[in-house]
Protein backbone atom coordinates (compact mmCIF):
# COMPACT_ATOMS: atom_id res chain seq x y z
CA MET A 1 15.37 -22.96 -54.56
CA TRP A 2 18.24 -21.29 -54.08
CA TRP A 3 15.93 -18.21 -52.34
CA LYS A 4 15.32 -20.32 -49.68
CA PRO A 5 18.08 -20.76 -47.24
CA LYS A 6 18.08 -17.06 -48.07
CA LYS A 7 14.35 -16.90 -46.95
CA ALA A 8 15.59 -18.40 -43.38
CA ALA A 9 18.98 -16.39 -43.06
CA GLN A 10 16.55 -13.45 -42.54
CA ALA A 11 14.29 -15.01 -40.35
CA ASN A 12 16.93 -15.68 -38.73
CA VAL A 13 18.36 -12.33 -38.65
CA ILE A 14 14.30 -11.08 -38.21
CA ARG A 15 14.55 -12.71 -34.91
CA ARG A 16 17.49 -12.07 -32.91
CA ARG A 17 16.33 -8.36 -33.30
CA GLU A 18 13.19 -9.26 -32.05
CA GLU A 19 15.39 -10.71 -29.09
CA THR A 20 17.59 -8.17 -28.25
CA ALA A 21 14.55 -5.70 -28.63
CA ALA A 22 12.96 -7.97 -25.79
CA THR A 23 16.10 -8.32 -23.44
CA ARG A 24 16.99 -4.94 -23.26
CA SER A 25 13.10 -3.49 -22.93
CA LEU A 26 13.67 -6.39 -19.75
CA LEU A 27 16.77 -4.36 -18.34
CA ASN A 28 15.36 -1.39 -19.06
CA THR A 29 12.19 -1.99 -16.95
CA ALA A 30 14.23 -3.53 -14.44
CA LYS A 31 16.66 -0.16 -14.11
CA VAL A 32 13.26 1.66 -13.53
CA MET A 33 11.61 -0.68 -11.09
CA GLU A 34 14.98 -0.79 -9.05
CA ASP A 35 15.35 3.75 -8.90
CA ASN A 36 11.47 3.75 -8.59
CA PRO A 37 9.60 1.72 -5.70
CA VAL A 38 5.77 2.87 -6.92
CA ALA A 39 6.77 1.20 -9.91
CA LEU A 40 7.89 -1.89 -8.73
CA ARG A 41 4.87 -1.93 -6.85
CA LEU A 42 2.60 -1.45 -10.04
CA LYS A 43 4.33 -4.02 -10.85
CA GLU A 44 4.30 -6.71 -8.55
CA LEU A 45 0.16 -6.20 -9.26
CA GLU A 46 -0.59 -6.73 -12.81
CA THR A 47 1.80 -10.60 -12.01
CA LEU A 48 -0.93 -10.89 -9.21
CA GLU A 49 -3.52 -9.64 -11.70
CA LYS A 50 -2.89 -11.90 -14.11
CA VAL A 51 -2.22 -15.37 -11.66
CA THR A 52 -5.54 -14.89 -10.03
CA GLU A 53 -6.92 -14.37 -14.38
CA LYS A 54 -6.29 -18.00 -14.25
CA ILE A 55 -7.56 -19.55 -10.79
CA ASP A 56 -10.60 -19.38 -10.17
CA LYS A 57 -11.12 -18.16 -6.14
CA ILE A 58 -7.98 -16.11 -4.23
CA SER A 59 -8.31 -15.63 -0.70
CA VAL A 60 -6.01 -13.69 1.04
CA TYR A 61 -5.02 -14.47 4.39
CA GLY A 62 -1.90 -11.69 6.48
CA GLY A 63 -3.01 -9.02 4.12
CA LEU A 64 -1.93 -7.97 0.26
CA ASP A 65 1.82 -7.62 1.18
CA SER A 66 1.99 -11.50 2.22
CA VAL A 67 0.72 -12.89 -1.09
CA LEU A 68 3.72 -10.95 -2.81
CA LYS A 69 5.97 -12.65 -1.23
CA ASP A 70 4.85 -16.04 -1.61
CA LEU A 71 4.49 -14.90 -5.68
CA VAL A 72 8.12 -14.22 -5.14
CA LYS A 73 9.05 -16.92 -3.40
CA ILE A 74 7.70 -19.40 -5.37
CA ARG A 75 8.40 -17.85 -8.91
CA ALA A 76 12.49 -17.73 -7.14
């Protein structure tokens, strides 16, 4: 059963590579959003869409900007 530790080590290497790639992707996304307010706004709207998929009803007072600002406060 010498192959089990080797397989586990290989799986660990693959997992670390995937984590590194995911982190690199997040960093690239953050850089794009920092330099492009439209990209940031689209990401905010995408996040809002995901949140609203998980609830039955949402009432918005004060406009979309207010909702997004409150969403950021919740996340922070």
